Amino acid sequence: MRSIILYSAMICGDCQLLKAFMDANDIEHETRDIRENLKHGEELEAQTGKLGVPYLLIDGEWICGYDPSKPFTEEFAKGLFGL
């Protein structure tokens, strides 16, 4: 089983769409909101140099969960998880 942590924020539309995608596809994960707990934001920035969300930590590998040049799509999300 993979270890997946989703760094997100409630005010982030892409974060909510990605979380909904993960829930709908039974992708187990832990969610860490960077605005509700500033330590999570500090972790994200220390590891990636960014505070942009959504960001994923999958089995120790940091993966950007958004494409800044495009709106969120299910196809993009599928690519994140190899579906």
Protein backbone atom coordinates (compact mmCIF):
# COMPACT_ATOMS: atom_id res chain seq x y z
CA MET A 1 0.00 0.00 0.00
CA ARG A 2 1.30 3.43 -0.94
CA SER A 3 1.77 6.24 1.54
CA ILE A 4 0.07 9.38 0.18
CA ILE A 5 -0.11 12.78 1.84
CA LEU A 6 -2.09 15.57 0.18
CA TYR A 7 -0.96 19.08 1.11
CA SER A 8 -3.87 21.39 0.43
CA ALA A 9 -5.99 24.30 1.61
CA MET A 10 -9.77 24.55 1.98
CA ILE A 11 -9.80 27.77 -0.09
CA CYS A 12 -8.03 26.09 -3.01
CA GLY A 13 -10.39 24.91 -5.76
CA ASP A 14 -7.85 22.56 -7.36
CA CYS A 15 -7.17 21.04 -3.93
CA GLN A 16 -10.84 20.28 -3.39
CA LEU A 17 -11.19 18.80 -6.88
CA LEU A 18 -8.12 16.60 -6.40
CA LYS A 19 -9.32 15.46 -2.97
CA ALA A 20 -12.75 14.62 -4.44
CA PHE A 21 -11.06 12.67 -7.23
CA MET A 22 -8.98 10.74 -4.72
CA ASP A 23 -12.03 9.99 -2.56
CA ALA A 24 -14.10 8.90 -5.58
CA ASN A 25 -11.31 6.55 -6.69
CA ASP A 26 -10.69 5.12 -3.20
CA ILE A 27 -7.15 6.48 -3.08
CA GLU A 28 -6.24 6.38 0.61
CA HIS A 29 -4.45 9.49 1.77
CA GLU A 30 -3.81 11.83 4.64
CA THR A 31 -4.78 15.47 4.08
CA ARG A 32 -2.66 18.27 5.54
CA ASP A 33 -4.17 21.73 5.28
CA ILE A 34 -1.39 24.33 5.14
CA ARG A 35 -3.67 27.14 6.32
CA GLU A 36 -5.19 25.30 9.27
CA ASN A 37 -1.80 24.09 10.48
CA LEU A 38 1.12 26.35 9.60
CA LYS A 39 3.59 23.54 10.37
CA HIS A 40 2.29 21.72 7.29
CA GLY A 41 3.03 24.78 5.17
CA GLU A 42 6.51 24.98 6.65
CA GLU A 43 7.10 21.29 5.82
CA LEU A 44 5.92 21.80 2.25
CA GLU A 45 8.05 24.89 1.68
CA ALA A 46 11.13 23.31 3.28
CA GLN A 47 10.87 20.25 1.03
CA THR A 48 9.72 21.81 -2.25
CA GLY A 49 10.65 25.48 -2.00
CA LYS A 50 6.99 26.30 -2.69
CA LEU A 51 3.75 26.95 -0.86
CA GLY A 52 1.57 26.23 -3.90
CA VAL A 53 -1.05 23.56 -3.36
CA PRO A 54 -2.17 20.92 -4.05
CA TYR A 55 1.08 19.02 -3.56
CA LEU A 56 1.43 15.30 -2.98
CA LEU A 57 3.98 13.26 -1.09
CA ILE A 58 3.72 9.74 -2.52
CA ASP A 59 6.04 7.15 -1.00
CA GLY A 60 8.56 9.87 -0.17
CA GLU A 61 8.43 11.54 -3.60
CA TRP A 62 7.12 15.12 -3.90
CA ILE A 63 4.71 15.62 -6.82
CA CYS A 64 3.06 18.87 -7.85
CA GLY A 65 -0.69 18.25 -7.88
CA TYR A 66 -1.55 21.09 -10.26
CA ASP A 67 -0.56 22.53 -13.61
CA PRO A 68 -0.26 26.32 -13.19
CA SER A 69 -1.00 26.89 -16.88
CA LYS A 70 -4.23 24.86 -17.00
CA PRO A 71 -7.39 24.26 -14.99
CA PHE A 72 -7.70 21.00 -13.06
CA THR A 73 -8.87 18.02 -15.11
CA GLU A 74 -9.63 14.43 -14.26
CA GLU A 75 -7.12 13.35 -16.93
CA PHE A 76 -4.37 15.28 -15.12
CA ALA A 77 -5.36 13.62 -11.84
CA LYS A 78 -5.34 10.17 -13.44
CA GLY A 79 -1.79 10.83 -14.62
CA LEU A 80 -0.68 11.63 -11.08
CA PHE A 81 -1.70 8.16 -9.95
CA GLY A 82 -1.03 6.19 -13.13
CA LEU A 83 -4.73 5.43 -13.70
